[in-house]
Amino acid sequence: MADINVKWSGLDKLMEELGATAGATIEAAASAMKTTTGQVQAKAKQIAPKRTGVMAGNINVKPVKKTSTSVTGTIEAEKDYSSFVEFGTYKMHAEPFMRPAVDWGQSVFIKTTMDKLKEVATFK
């Protein structure tokens, strides 16, 4: 099984700079994370090697977790052999699909987060 966790912390400093409330900032970041994890899931399914399609069909998104200063999104390739495909073994080369999808999703997350934060910011 291959798990990819993306955690964004330091929201307290961002809230101070934007003049937004803690709740509004966390909700904006959580909404952006939910959107991004869905898009990363679709991208991972698209680029995953497909012999039978079972592995790609078992790439799932877990609910977004929030604290007062961080938001965590998880995309999980749930088949037992997913990590062997992602990272390779001494008998087979790696065929990464999760890491490239997450790399692609970073810009999506940043743009989506900024759009959501613009809606709640009061700017000092």
PDB file of N, CA and C in Angstrom:
ATOM      1  N   MET A   1       0.841  -1.160   0.000  1.00  0.00           N
ATOM      2  CA  MET A   1       0.000   0.000   0.000  1.00  0.00           C
ATOM      3  C   MET A   1       0.899   1.240   0.000  1.00  0.00           C
ATOM      4  N   ALA A   2       0.552   2.213  -0.802  1.00  0.00           N
ATOM      5  CA  ALA A   2       1.320   3.456  -0.873  1.00  0.00           C
ATOM      6  C   ALA A   2       0.443   4.602  -0.401  1.00  0.00           C
ATOM      7  N   ASP A   3       0.851   5.261   0.671  1.00  0.00           N
ATOM      8  CA  ASP A   3       0.120   6.407   1.207  1.00  0.00           C
ATOM      9  C   ASP A   3       0.897   7.678   0.897  1.00  0.00           C
ATOM     10  N   ILE A   4       0.194   8.684   0.485  1.00  0.00           N
ATOM     11  CA  ILE A   4       0.789   9.999   0.299  1.00  0.00           C
ATOM     12  C   ILE A   4       0.007  10.957   1.185  1.00  0.00           C
ATOM     13  N   ASN A   5       0.683  11.568   2.136  1.00  0.00           N
ATOM     14  CA  ASN A   5       0.067  12.566   3.007  1.00  0.00           C
ATOM     15  C   ASN A   5       0.652  13.924   2.680  1.00  0.00           C
ATOM     16  N   VAL A   6      -0.214  14.886   2.521  1.00  0.00           N
ATOM     17  CA  VAL A   6       0.212  16.260   2.302  1.00  0.00           C
ATOM     18  C   VAL A   6      -0.282  17.058   3.491  1.00  0.00           C
ATOM     19  N   LYS A   7       0.641  17.678   4.208  1.00  0.00           N
ATOM     20  CA  LYS A   7       0.269  18.451   5.389  1.00  0.00           C
ATOM     21  C   LYS A   7       0.710  19.888   5.197  1.00  0.00           C
ATOM     22  N   TRP A   8      -0.201  20.791   5.408  1.00  0.00           N
ATOM     23  CA  TRP A   8       0.108  22.214   5.312  1.00  0.00           C
ATOM     24  C   TRP A   8      -0.012  22.778   6.710  1.00  0.00           C
ATOM     25  N   SER A   9       1.110  23.253   7.240  1.00  0.00           N
ATOM     26  CA  SER A   9       1.105  23.827   8.581  1.00  0.00           C
ATOM     27  C   SER A   9       1.574  25.274   8.506  1.00  0.00           C
ATOM     28  N   GLY A  10       1.482  25.960   9.626  1.00  0.00           N
ATOM     29  CA  GLY A  10       1.874  27.364   9.654  1.00  0.00           C
ATOM     30  C   GLY A  10       0.738  28.292   9.277  1.00  0.00           C
ATOM     31  N   LEU A  11      -0.478  27.788   9.346  1.00  0.00           N
ATOM     32  CA  LEU A  11      -1.622  28.611   8.974  1.00  0.00           C
ATOM     33  C   LEU A  11      -1.824  29.782   9.922  1.00  0.00           C
ATOM     34  N   ASP A  12      -1.298  29.667  11.150  1.00  0.00           N
ATOM     35  CA  ASP A  12      -1.448  30.762  12.098  1.00  0.00           C
ATOM     36  C   ASP A  12      -0.768  32.031  11.595  1.00  0.00           C
ATOM     37  N   LYS A  13       0.419  31.895  11.023  1.00  0.00           N
ATOM     38  CA  LYS A  13       1.127  33.073  10.482  1.00  0.00           C
ATOM     39  C   LYS A  13       0.390  33.640   9.268  1.00  0.00           C
ATOM     40  N   LEU A  14      -0.126  32.754   8.436  1.00  0.00           N
ATOM     41  CA  LEU A  14      -0.867  33.198   7.265  1.00  0.00           C
ATOM     42  C   LEU A  14      -2.123  33.966   7.671  1.00  0.00           C
ATOM     43  N   MET A  15      -2.820  33.471   8.691  1.00  0.00           N
ATOM     44  CA  MET A  15      -4.023  34.148   9.172  1.00  0.00           C
ATOM     45  C   MET A  15      -3.703  35.561   9.624  1.00  0.00           C
ATOM     46  N   GLU A  16      -2.579  35.699  10.336  1.00  0.00           N
ATOM     47  CA  GLU A  16      -2.168  37.005  10.824  1.00  0.00           C
ATOM     48  C   GLU A  16      -1.920  37.961   9.662  1.00  0.00           C
ATOM     49  N   GLU A  17      -1.229  37.476   8.636  1.00  0.00           N
ATOM     50  CA  GLU A  17      -0.924  38.328   7.484  1.00  0.00           C
ATOM     51  C   GLU A  17      -2.180  38.703   6.695  1.00  0.00           C
ATOM     52  N   LEU A  18      -3.106  37.766   6.567  1.00  0.00           N
ATOM     53  CA  LEU A  18      -4.302  38.025   5.774  1.00  0.00           C
ATOM     54  C   LEU A  18      -5.382  38.769   6.537  1.00  0.00           C
ATOM     55  N   GLY A  19      -5.307  38.710   7.857  1.00  0.00           N
ATOM     56  CA  GLY A  19      -6.359  39.327   8.646  1.00  0.00           C
ATOM     57  C   GLY A  19      -7.630  38.501   8.640  1.00  0.00           C
ATOM     58  N   ALA A  20      -7.533  37.236   8.282  1.00  0.00           N
ATOM     59  CA  ALA A  20      -8.700  36.357   8.249  1.00  0.00           C
ATOM     60  C   ALA A  20      -8.830  35.648   9.591  1.00  0.00           C
ATOM     61  N   THR A  21     -10.028  35.207   9.899  1.00  0.00           N
ATOM     62  CA  THR A  21     -10.229  34.468  11.142  1.00  0.00           C
ATOM     63  C   THR A  21      -9.653  33.066  10.990  1.00  0.00           C
ATOM     64  N   ALA A  22      -9.349  32.463  12.122  1.00  0.00           N
ATOM     65  CA  ALA A  22      -8.778  31.113  12.125  1.00  0.00           C
ATOM     66  C   ALA A  22      -9.722  30.127  11.459  1.00  0.00           C
ATOM     67  N   GLY A  23     -10.977  30.181  11.833  1.00  0.00           N
ATOM     68  CA  GLY A  23     -11.957  29.251  11.272  1.00  0.00           C
ATOM     69  C   GLY A  23     -12.098  29.397   9.776  1.00  0.00           C
ATOM     70  N   ALA A  24     -12.144  30.630   9.304  1.00  0.00           N
ATOM     71  CA  ALA A  24     -12.294  30.868   7.864  1.00  0.00           C
ATOM     72  C   ALA A  24     -11.073  30.394   7.099  1.00  0.00           C
ATOM     73  N   THR A  25      -9.888  30.605   7.659  1.00  0.00           N
ATOM     74  CA  THR A  25      -8.659  30.174   6.994  1.00  0.00           C
ATOM     75  C   THR A  25      -8.567  28.662   6.936  1.00  0.00           C
ATOM     76  N   ILE A  26      -8.869  27.997   8.040  1.00  0.00           N
ATOM     77  CA  ILE A  26      -8.826  26.533   8.077  1.00  0.00           C
ATOM     78  C   ILE A  26      -9.847  25.964   7.101  1.00  0.00           C
ATOM     79  N   GLU A  27     -11.036  26.535   7.074  1.00  0.00           N
ATOM     80  CA  GLU A  27     -12.069  26.033   6.161  1.00  0.00           C
ATOM     81  C   GLU A  27     -11.662  26.248   4.700  1.00  0.00           C
ATOM     82  N   ALA A  28     -11.042  27.383   4.400  1.00  0.00           N
ATOM     83  CA  ALA A  28     -10.569  27.646   3.037  1.00  0.00           C
ATOM     84  C   ALA A  28      -9.486  26.653   2.644  1.00  0.00           C
ATOM     85  N   ALA A  29      -8.548  26.409   3.546  1.00  0.00           N
ATOM     86  CA  ALA A  29      -7.473  25.453   3.262  1.00  0.00           C
ATOM     87  C   ALA A  29      -8.022  24.035   3.152  1.00  0.00           C
ATOM     88  N   ALA A  30      -8.969  23.682   3.996  1.00  0.00           N
ATOM     89  CA  ALA A  30      -9.562  22.339   3.941  1.00  0.00           C
ATOM     90  C   ALA A  30     -10.333  22.143   2.640  1.00  0.00           C
ATOM     91  N   SER A  31     -11.042  23.160   2.219  1.00  0.00           N
ATOM     92  CA  SER A  31     -11.776  23.082   0.955  1.00  0.00           C
ATOM     93  C   SER A  31     -10.811  22.921  -0.222  1.00  0.00           C
ATOM     94  N   ALA A  32      -9.721  23.680  -0.185  1.00  0.00           N
ATOM     95  CA  ALA A  32      -8.703  23.568  -1.234  1.00  0.00           C
ATOM     96  C   ALA A  32      -8.053  22.193  -1.212  1.00  0.00           C
ATOM     97  N   MET A  33      -7.796  21.648  -0.028  1.00  0.00           N
ATOM     98  CA  MET A  33      -7.196  20.325   0.091  1.00  0.00           C
ATOM     99  C   MET A  33      -8.133  19.256  -0.459  1.00  0.00           C
ATOM    100  N   LYS A  34      -9.423  19.383  -0.163  1.00  0.00           N
ATOM    101  CA  LYS A  34     -10.404  18.409  -0.662  1.00  0.00           C
ATOM    102  C   LYS A  34     -10.449  18.433  -2.190  1.00  0.00           C
ATOM    103  N   THR A  35     -10.474  19.616  -2.758  1.00  0.00           N
ATOM    104  CA  THR A  35     -10.464  19.748  -4.217  1.00  0.00           C
ATOM    105  C   THR A  35      -9.195  19.154  -4.806  1.00  0.00           C
ATOM    106  N   THR A  36      -8.069  19.476  -4.202  1.00  0.00           N
ATOM    107  CA  THR A  36      -6.770  19.028  -4.715  1.00  0.00           C
ATOM    108  C   THR A  36      -6.612  17.522  -4.615  1.00  0.00           C
ATOM    109  N   THR A  37      -6.985  16.939  -3.469  1.00  0.00           N
ATOM    110  CA  THR A  37      -6.819  15.490  -3.335  1.00  0.00           C
ATOM    111  C   THR A  37      -7.673  14.744  -4.359  1.00  0.00           C
ATOM    112  N   GLY A  38      -8.840  15.256  -4.656  1.00  0.00           N
ATOM    113  CA  GLY A  38      -9.677  14.645  -5.698  1.00  0.00           C
ATOM    114  C   GLY A  38      -9.012  14.702  -7.059  1.00  0.00           C
ATOM    115  N   GLN A  39      -8.392  15.836  -7.371  1.00  0.00           N
ATOM    116  CA  GLN A  39      -7.714  15.983  -8.655  1.00  0.00           C
ATOM    117  C   GLN A  39      -6.447  15.138  -8.722  1.00  0.00           C
ATOM    118  N   VAL A  40      -5.728  15.037  -7.605  1.00  0.00           N
ATOM    119  CA  VAL A  40      -4.521  14.197  -7.556  1.00  0.00           C
ATOM    120  C   VAL A  40      -4.912  12.728  -7.699  1.00  0.00           C
ATOM    121  N   GLN A  41      -6.000  12.339  -7.075  1.00  0.00           N
ATOM    122  CA  GLN A  41      -6.494  10.966  -7.226  1.00  0.00           C
ATOM    123  C   GLN A  41      -6.766  10.657  -8.703  1.00  0.00           C
ATOM    124  N   ALA A  42      -7.454  11.545  -9.383  1.00  0.00           N
ATOM    125  CA  ALA A  42      -7.755  11.342 -10.804  1.00  0.00           C
ATOM    126  C   ALA A  42      -6.468  11.256 -11.633  1.00  0.00           C
ATOM    127  N   LYS A  43      -5.497  12.108 -11.321  1.00  0.00           N
ATOM    128  CA  LYS A  43      -4.221  12.100 -12.045  1.00  0.00           C
ATOM    129  C   LYS A  43      -3.466  10.798 -11.793  1.00  0.00           C
ATOM    130  N   ALA A  44      -3.425  10.334 -10.538  1.00  0.00           N
ATOM    131  CA  ALA A  44      -2.739   9.081 -10.209  1.00  0.00           C
ATOM    132  C   ALA A  44      -3.398   7.909 -10.932  1.00  0.00           C
ATOM    133  N   LYS A  45      -4.719   7.893 -10.972  1.00  0.00           N
ATOM    134  CA  LYS A  45      -5.426   6.825 -11.692  1.00  0.00           C
ATOM    135  C   LYS A  45      -5.101   6.859 -13.181  1.00  0.00           C
ATOM    136  N   GLN A  46      -4.958   8.061 -13.704  1.00  0.00           N
ATOM    137  CA  GLN A  46      -4.657   8.230 -15.126  1.00  0.00           C
ATOM    138  C   GLN A  46      -3.265   7.702 -15.476  1.00  0.00           C
ATOM    139  N   ILE A  47      -2.267   7.973 -14.626  1.00  0.00           N
ATOM    140  CA  ILE A  47      -0.898   7.607 -14.983  1.00  0.00           C
ATOM    141  C   ILE A  47      -0.440   6.277 -14.389  1.00  0.00           C
ATOM    142  N   ALA A  48      -1.265   5.651 -13.546  1.00  0.00           N
ATOM    143  CA  ALA A  48      -0.890   4.356 -12.969  1.00  0.00           C
ATOM    144  C   ALA A  48      -0.785   3.305 -14.068  1.00  0.00           C
ATOM    145  N   PRO A  49       0.231   2.439 -13.984  1.00  0.00           N
ATOM    146  CA  PRO A  49       0.325   1.341 -14.949  1.00  0.00           C
ATOM    147  C   PRO A  49      -0.930   0.474 -14.860  1.00  0.00           C
ATOM    148  N   LYS A  50      -1.421   0.051 -16.018  1.00  0.00           N
ATOM    149  CA  LYS A  50      -2.671  -0.712 -16.022  1.00  0.00           C
ATOM    150  C   LYS A  50      -2.516  -2.019 -16.789  1.00  0.00           C
ATOM    151  N   ARG A  51      -2.332  -3.084 -16.036  1.00  0.00           N
ATOM    152  CA  ARG A  51      -2.408  -4.402 -16.664  1.00  0.00           C
ATOM    153  C   ARG A  51      -3.846  -4.888 -16.592  1.00  0.00           C
ATOM    154  N   THR A  52      -4.424  -4.798 -15.407  1.00  0.00           N
ATOM    155  CA  THR A  52      -5.823  -5.190 -15.217  1.00  0.00           C
ATOM    156  C   THR A  52      -6.688  -3.997 -14.835  1.00  0.00           C
ATOM    157  N   GLY A  53      -6.080  -2.910 -14.351  1.00  0.00           N
ATOM    158  CA  GLY A  53      -6.818  -1.732 -13.903  1.00  0.00           C
ATOM    159  C   GLY A  53      -7.232  -1.785 -12.448  1.00  0.00           C
ATOM    160  N   VAL A  54      -6.939  -2.906 -11.775  1.00  0.00           N
ATOM    161  CA  VAL A  54      -7.334  -3.050 -10.371  1.00  0.00           C
ATOM    162  C   VAL A  54      -6.599  -2.053  -9.484  1.00  0.00           C
ATOM    163  N   MET A  55      -5.297  -1.899  -9.683  1.00  0.00           N
ATOM    164  CA  MET A  55      -4.532  -0.982  -8.835  1.00  0.00           C
ATOM    165  C   MET A  55      -5.038   0.449  -9.004  1.00  0.00           C
ATOM    166  N   ALA A  56      -5.221   0.876 -10.248  1.00  0.00           N
ATOM    167  CA  ALA A  56      -5.709   2.235 -10.493  1.00  0.00           C
ATOM    168  C   ALA A  56      -7.106   2.430  -9.915  1.00  0.00           C
ATOM    169  N   GLY A  57      -7.905   1.386  -9.930  1.00  0.00           N
ATOM    170  CA  GLY A  57      -9.247   1.470  -9.379  1.00  0.00           C
ATOM    171  C   GLY A  57      -9.290   1.511  -7.862  1.00  0.00           C
ATOM    172  N   ASN A  58      -8.165   1.251  -7.232  1.00  0.00           N
ATOM    173  CA  ASN A  58      -8.092   1.246  -5.774  1.00  0.00           C
ATOM    174  C   ASN A  58      -7.231   2.379  -5.238  1.00  0.00           C
ATOM    175  N   ILE A  59      -7.220   3.493  -5.929  1.00  0.00           N
ATOM    176  CA  ILE A  59      -6.570   4.710  -5.440  1.00  0.00           C
ATOM    177  C   ILE A  59      -7.693   5.580  -4.882  1.00  0.00           C
ATOM    178  N   ASN A  60      -7.655   5.798  -3.576  1.00  0.00           N
ATOM    179  CA  ASN A  60      -8.761   6.473  -2.903  1.00  0.00           C
ATOM    180  C   ASN A  60      -8.295   7.659  -2.070  1.00  0.00           C
ATOM    181  N   VAL A  61      -9.219   8.562  -1.838  1.00  0.00           N
ATOM    182  CA  VAL A  61      -8.975   9.750  -1.030  1.00  0.00           C
ATOM    183  C   VAL A  61      -9.614   9.538   0.337  1.00  0.00           C
ATOM    184  N   LYS A  62      -8.870   9.861   1.380  1.00  0.00           N
ATOM    185  CA  LYS A  62      -9.382   9.800   2.748  1.00  0.00           C
ATOM    186  C   LYS A  62      -9.915  11.188   3.127  1.00  0.00           C
ATOM    187  N   PRO A  63     -10.808  11.255   4.098  1.00  0.00           N
ATOM    188  CA  PRO A  63     -11.320  12.568   4.520  1.00  0.00           C
ATOM    189  C   PRO A  63     -10.188  13.496   4.980  1.00  0.00           C
ATOM    190  N   VAL A  64     -10.318  14.756   4.674  1.00  0.00           N
ATOM    191  CA  VAL A  64      -9.342  15.775   5.069  1.00  0.00           C
ATOM    192  C   VAL A  64      -9.382  15.930   6.585  1.00  0.00           C
ATOM    193  N   LYS A  65      -8.190  15.990   7.189  1.00  0.00           N
ATOM    194  CA  LYS A  65      -8.088  16.197   8.634  1.00  0.00           C
ATOM    195  C   LYS A  65      -7.659  17.626   8.904  1.00  0.00           C
ATOM    196  N   LYS A  66      -8.317  18.251   9.884  1.00  0.00           N
ATOM    197  CA  LYS A  66      -8.021  19.639  10.229  1.00  0.00           C
ATOM    198  C   LYS A  66      -7.647  19.742  11.699  1.00  0.00           C
ATOM    199  N   THR A  67      -6.684  20.610  11.982  1.00  0.00           N
ATOM    200  CA  THR A  67      -6.413  21.036  13.356  1.00  0.00           C
ATOM    201  C   THR A  67      -6.501  22.554  13.338  1.00  0.00           C
ATOM    202  N   SER A  68      -6.151  23.176  14.428  1.00  0.00           N
ATOM    203  CA  SER A  68      -6.225  24.643  14.466  1.00  0.00           C
ATOM    204  C   SER A  68      -5.155  25.303  13.618  1.00  0.00           C
ATOM    205  N   THR A  69      -4.087  24.577  13.267  1.00  0.00           N
ATOM    206  CA  THR A  69      -3.005  25.194  12.487  1.00  0.00           C
ATOM    207  C   THR A  69      -2.551  24.362  11.288  1.00  0.00           C
ATOM    208  N   SER A  70      -3.260  23.270  10.974  1.00  0.00           N
ATOM    209  CA  SER A  70      -2.830  22.478   9.826  1.00  0.00           C
ATOM    210  C   SER A  70      -4.001  21.752   9.172  1.00  0.00           C
ATOM    211  N   VAL A  71      -3.788  21.381   7.929  1.00  0.00           N
ATOM    212  CA  VAL A  71      -4.759  20.622   7.145  1.00  0.00           C
ATOM    213  C   VAL A  71      -3.985  19.493   6.486  1.00  0.00           C
ATOM    214  N   THR A  72      -4.515  18.260   6.567  1.00  0.00           N
ATOM    215  CA  THR A  72      -3.839  17.106   5.983  1.00  0.00           C
ATOM    216  C   THR A  72      -4.787  16.369   5.045  1.00  0.00           C
ATOM    217  N   GLY A  73      -4.305  16.120   3.842  1.00  0.00           N
ATOM    218  CA  GLY A  73      -5.057  15.332   2.873  1.00  0.00           C
ATOM    219  C   GLY A  73      -4.294  14.050   2.579  1.00  0.00           C
ATOM    220  N   THR A  74      -5.010  12.945   2.381  1.00  0.00           N
ATOM    221  CA  THR A  74      -4.382  11.652   2.134  1.00  0.00           C
ATOM    222  C   THR A  74      -4.984  11.003   0.897  1.00  0.00           C
ATOM    223  N   ILE A  75      -4.099  10.566   0.004  1.00  0.00           N
ATOM    224  CA  ILE A  75      -4.478   9.780  -1.161  1.00  0.00           C
ATOM    225  C   ILE A  75      -3.783   8.441  -0.982  1.00  0.00           C
ATOM    226  N   GLU A  76      -4.517   7.360  -1.109  1.00  0.00           N
ATOM    227  CA  GLU A  76      -3.956   6.055  -0.794  1.00  0.00           C
ATOM    228  C   GLU A  76      -4.179   5.071  -1.949  1.00  0.00           C
ATOM    229  N   ALA A  77      -3.092   4.440  -2.387  1.00  0.00           N
ATOM    230  CA  ALA A  77      -3.171   3.327  -3.332  1.00  0.00           C
ATOM    231  C   ALA A  77      -3.287   2.073  -2.476  1.00  0.00           C
ATOM    232  N   GLU A  78      -4.453   1.461  -2.429  1.00  0.00           N
ATOM    233  CA  GLU A  78      -4.759   0.463  -1.413  1.00  0.00           C
ATOM    234  C   GLU A  78      -4.373  -0.984  -1.753  1.00  0.00           C
ATOM    235  N   LYS A  79      -3.990  -1.262  -2.959  1.00  0.00           N
ATOM    236  CA  LYS A  79      -3.577  -2.634  -3.275  1.00  0.00           C
ATOM    237  C   LYS A  79      -2.224  -2.919  -2.623  1.00  0.00           C
ATOM    238  N   ASP A  80      -2.061  -4.144  -2.147  1.00  0.00           N
ATOM    239  CA  ASP A  80      -0.836  -4.536  -1.441  1.00  0.00           C
ATOM    240  C   ASP A  80       0.432  -4.265  -2.256  1.00  0.00           C
ATOM    241  N   TYR A  81       0.355  -4.441  -3.543  1.00  0.00           N
ATOM    242  CA  TYR A  81       1.542  -4.340  -4.387  1.00  0.00           C
ATOM    243  C   TYR A  81       1.795  -2.931  -4.916  1.00  0.00           C
ATOM    244  N   SER A  82       0.971  -1.949  -4.551  1.00  0.00           N
ATOM    245  CA  SER A  82       1.114  -0.583  -5.053  1.00  0.00           C
ATOM    246  C   SER A  82       2.489   0.011  -4.764  1.00  0.00           C
ATOM    247  N   SER A  83       3.007  -0.223  -3.560  1.00  0.00           N
ATOM    248  CA  SER A  83       4.316   0.354  -3.221  1.00  0.00           C
ATOM    249  C   SER A  83       5.433  -0.294  -4.034  1.00  0.00           C
ATOM    250  N   PHE A  84       5.279  -1.579  -4.385  1.00  0.00           N
ATOM    251  CA  PHE A  84       6.287  -2.229  -5.229  1.00  0.00           C
ATOM    252  C   PHE A  84       6.304  -1.609  -6.623  1.00  0.00           C
ATOM    253  N   VAL A  85       5.128  -1.299  -7.135  1.00  0.00           N
ATOM    254  CA  VAL A  85       5.034  -0.647  -8.448  1.00  0.00           C
ATOM    255  C   VAL A  85       5.598   0.771  -8.362  1.00  0.00           C
ATOM    256  N   GLU A  86       5.219   1.493  -7.322  1.00  0.00           N
ATOM    257  CA  GLU A  86       5.664   2.889  -7.147  1.00  0.00           C
ATOM    258  C   GLU A  86       7.174   3.004  -7.002  1.00  0.00           C
ATOM    259  N   PHE A  87       7.767   2.152  -6.167  1.00  0.00           N
ATOM    260  CA  PHE A  87       9.186   2.286  -5.835  1.00  0.00           C
ATOM    261  C   PHE A  87      10.081   1.231  -6.485  1.00  0.00           C
ATOM    262  N   GLY A  88       9.498   0.197  -7.042  1.00  0.00           N
ATOM    263  CA  GLY A  88      10.282  -0.870  -7.655  1.00  0.00           C
ATOM    264  C   GLY A  88      10.815  -1.842  -6.625  1.00  0.00           C
ATOM    265  N   THR A  89      11.403  -2.905  -7.124  1.00  0.00           N
ATOM    266  CA  THR A  89      12.056  -3.905  -6.282  1.00  0.00           C
ATOM    267  C   THR A  89      13.385  -4.247  -6.939  1.00  0.00           C
ATOM    268  N   TYR A  90      14.111  -5.150  -6.348  1.00  0.00           N
ATOM    269  CA  TYR A  90      15.373  -5.520  -6.978  1.00  0.00           C
ATOM    270  C   TYR A  90      15.131  -6.313  -8.264  1.00  0.00           C
ATOM    271  N   LYS A  91      13.896  -6.793  -8.474  1.00  0.00           N
ATOM    272  CA  LYS A  91      13.573  -7.561  -9.678  1.00  0.00           C
ATOM    273  C   LYS A  91      12.811  -6.754 -10.733  1.00  0.00           C
ATOM    274  N   MET A  92      12.291  -5.584 -10.348  1.00  0.00           N
ATOM    275  CA  MET A  92      11.522  -4.781 -11.315  1.00  0.00           C
ATOM    276  C   MET A  92      11.780  -3.296 -11.097  1.00  0.00           C
ATOM    277  N   HIS A  93      11.739  -2.566 -12.196  1.00  0.00           N
ATOM    278  CA  HIS A  93      11.969  -1.129 -12.093  1.00  0.00           C
ATOM    279  C   HIS A  93      10.709  -0.432 -11.560  1.00  0.00           C
ATOM    280  N   ALA A  94      10.925   0.730 -10.990  1.00  0.00           N
ATOM    281  CA  ALA A  94       9.819   1.521 -10.445  1.00  0.00           C
ATOM    282  C   ALA A  94       8.988   2.108 -11.588  1.00  0.00           C
ATOM    283  N   GLU A  95       7.693   2.177 -11.350  1.00  0.00           N
ATOM    284  CA  GLU A  95       6.774   2.840 -12.272  1.00  0.00           C
ATOM    285  C   GLU A  95       5.937   3.820 -11.450  1.00  0.00           C
ATOM    286  N   PRO A  96       6.559   4.930 -11.040  1.00  0.00           N
ATOM    287  CA  PRO A  96       5.882   5.878 -10.149  1.00  0.00           C
ATOM    288  C   PRO A  96       4.591   6.426 -10.749  1.00  0.00           C
ATOM    289  N   PHE A  97       3.585   6.496  -9.933  1.00  0.00           N
ATOM    290  CA  PHE A  97       2.320   7.099 -10.334  1.00  0.00           C
ATOM    291  C   PHE A  97       1.773   8.014  -9.235  1.00  0.00           C
ATOM    292  N   MET A  98       2.053   7.710  -7.975  1.00  0.00           N
ATOM    293  CA  MET A  98       1.577   8.554  -6.879  1.00  0.00           C
ATOM    294  C   MET A  98       2.429   9.820  -6.737  1.00  0.00           C
ATOM    295  N   ARG A  99       3.747   9.648  -6.707  1.00  0.00           N
ATOM    296  CA  ARG A  99       4.622  10.821  -6.526  1.00  0.00           C
ATOM    297  C   ARG A  99       4.477  11.823  -7.668  1.00  0.00           C
ATOM    298  N   PRO A 100       4.434  11.384  -8.935  1.00  0.00           N
ATOM    299  CA  PRO A 100       4.229  12.379  -9.995  1.00  0.00           C
ATOM    300  C   PRO A 100       2.871  13.088  -9.891  1.00  0.00           C
ATOM    301  N   ALA A 101       1.851  12.363  -9.458  1.00  0.00           N
ATOM    302  CA  ALA A 101       0.529  12.982  -9.297  1.00  0.00           C
ATOM    303  C   ALA A 101       0.549  14.035  -8.189  1.00  0.00           C
ATOM    304  N   VAL A 102       1.227  13.723  -7.075  1.00  0.00           N
ATOM    305  CA  VAL A 102       1.328  14.685  -5.980  1.00  0.00           C
ATOM    306  C   VAL A 102       2.163  15.887  -6.406  1.00  0.00           C
ATOM    307  N   ASP A 103       3.251  15.656  -7.111  1.00  0.00           N
ATOM    308  CA  ASP A 103       4.064  16.770  -7.617  1.00  0.00           C
ATOM    309  C   ASP A 103       3.220  17.680  -8.500  1.00  0.00           C
ATOM    310  N   TRP A 104       2.435  17.092  -9.383  1.00  0.00           N
ATOM    311  CA  TRP A 104       1.548  17.851 -10.261  1.00  0.00           C
ATOM    312  C   TRP A 104       0.528  18.633  -9.428  1.00  0.00           C
ATOM    313  N   GLY A 105       0.028  18.013  -8.364  1.00  0.00           N
ATOM    314  CA  GLY A 105      -1.018  18.619  -7.555  1.00  0.00           C
ATOM    315  C   GLY A 105      -0.576  19.784  -6.696  1.00  0.00           C
ATOM    316  N   GLN A 106       0.723  19.957  -6.496  1.00  0.00           N
ATOM    317  CA  GLN A 106       1.189  21.062  -5.661  1.00  0.00           C
ATOM    318  C   GLN A 106       0.752  22.413  -6.208  1.00  0.00           C
ATOM    319  N   SER A 107       0.896  22.613  -7.495  1.00  0.00           N
ATOM    320  CA  SER A 107       0.492  23.901  -8.076  1.00  0.00           C
ATOM    321  C   SER A 107      -1.027  24.064  -8.030  1.00  0.00           C
ATOM    322  N   VAL A 108      -1.753  22.966  -8.187  1.00  0.00           N
ATOM    323  CA  VAL A 108      -3.214  23.008  -8.085  1.00  0.00           C
ATOM    324  C   VAL A 108      -3.610  23.435  -6.677  1.00  0.00           C
ATOM    325  N   PHE A 109      -2.952  22.852  -5.678  1.00  0.00           N
ATOM    326  CA  PHE A 109      -3.269  23.179  -4.287  1.00  0.00           C
ATOM    327  C   PHE A 109      -2.979  24.644  -3.989  1.00  0.00           C
ATOM    328  N   ILE A 110      -1.841  25.125  -4.423  1.00  0.00           N
ATOM    329  CA  ILE A 110      -1.466  26.519  -4.161  1.00  0.00           C
ATOM    330  C   ILE A 110      -2.474  27.470  -4.799  1.00  0.00           C
ATOM    331  N   LYS A 111      -2.801  27.233  -6.055  1.00  0.00           N
ATOM    332  CA  LYS A 111      -3.756  28.113  -6.745  1.00  0.00           C
ATOM    333  C   LYS A 111      -5.134  28.041  -6.090  1.00  0.00           C
ATOM    334  N   THR A 112      -5.596  26.847  -5.810  1.00  0.00           N
ATOM    335  CA  THR A 112      -6.912  26.685  -5.192  1.00  0.00           C
ATOM    336  C   THR A 112      -6.954  27.325  -3.815  1.00  0.00           C
ATOM    337  N   THR A 113      -5.897  27.144  -3.038  1.00  0.00           N
ATOM    338  CA  THR A 113      -5.835  27.743  -1.706  1.00  0.00           C
ATOM    339  C   THR A 113      -5.869  29.263  -1.801  1.00  0.00           C
ATOM    340  N   MET A 114      -5.086  29.813  -2.699  1.00  0.00           N
ATOM    341  CA  MET A 114      -5.062  31.272  -2.843  1.00  0.00           C
ATOM    342  C   MET A 114      -6.433  31.805  -3.253  1.00  0.00           C
ATOM    343  N   ASP A 115      -7.105  31.106  -4.161  1.00  0.00           N
ATOM    344  CA  ASP A 115      -8.443  31.536  -4.572  1.00  0.00           C
ATOM    345  C   ASP A 115      -9.419  31.510  -3.394  1.00  0.00           C
ATOM    346  N   LYS A 116      -9.353  30.443  -2.603  1.00  0.00           N
ATOM    347  CA  LYS A 116     -10.250  30.318  -1.441  1.00  0.00           C
ATOM    348  C   LYS A 116      -9.918  31.367  -0.381  1.00  0.00           C
ATOM    349  N   LEU A 117      -8.637  31.621  -0.161  1.00  0.00           N
ATOM    350  CA  LEU A 117      -8.235  32.597   0.851  1.00  0.00           C
ATOM    351  C   LEU A 117      -8.606  34.027   0.449  1.00  0.00           C
ATOM    352  N   LYS A 118      -8.586  34.315  -0.838  1.00  0.00           N
ATOM    353  CA  LYS A 118      -8.986  35.647  -1.295  1.00  0.00           C
ATOM    354  C   LYS A 118     -10.435  35.939  -0.927  1.00  0.00           C
ATOM    355  N   GLU A 119     -11.241  34.880  -0.855  1.00  0.00           N
ATOM    356  CA  GLU A 119     -12.645  35.046  -0.510  1.00  0.00           C
ATOM    357  C   GLU A 119     -12.829  35.413   0.967  1.00  0.00           C
ATOM    358  N   VAL A 120     -11.894  34.985   1.840  1.00  0.00           N
ATOM    359  CA  VAL A 120     -12.056  35.229   3.278  1.00  0.00           C
ATOM    360  C   VAL A 120     -11.121  36.295   3.823  1.00  0.00           C
ATOM    361  N   ALA A 121     -10.147  36.738   3.049  1.00  0.00           N
ATOM    362  CA  ALA A 121      -9.143  37.691   3.543  1.00  0.00           C
ATOM    363  C   ALA A 121      -9.721  39.102   3.652  1.00  0.00           C
ATOM    364  N   THR A 122      -9.248  39.812   4.667  1.00  0.00           N
ATOM    365  CA  THR A 122      -9.608  41.219   4.818  1.00  0.00           C
ATOM    366  C   THR A 122      -8.403  42.100   4.547  1.00  0.00           C
ATOM    367  N   PHE A 123      -7.218  41.523   4.442  1.00  0.00           N
ATOM    368  CA  PHE A 123      -5.951  42.214   4.229  1.00  0.00           C
ATOM    369  C   PHE A 123      -5.806  43.459   5.102  1.00  0.00           C
ATOM    370  N   LYS A 124      -4.747  43.439   5.865  1.00  0.00           N
ATOM    371  CA  LYS A 124      -4.481  44.558   6.786  1.00  0.00           C
ATOM    372  C   LYS A 124      -3.834  45.701   6.061  1.00  0.00           C
TER     373      LYS A 124
END
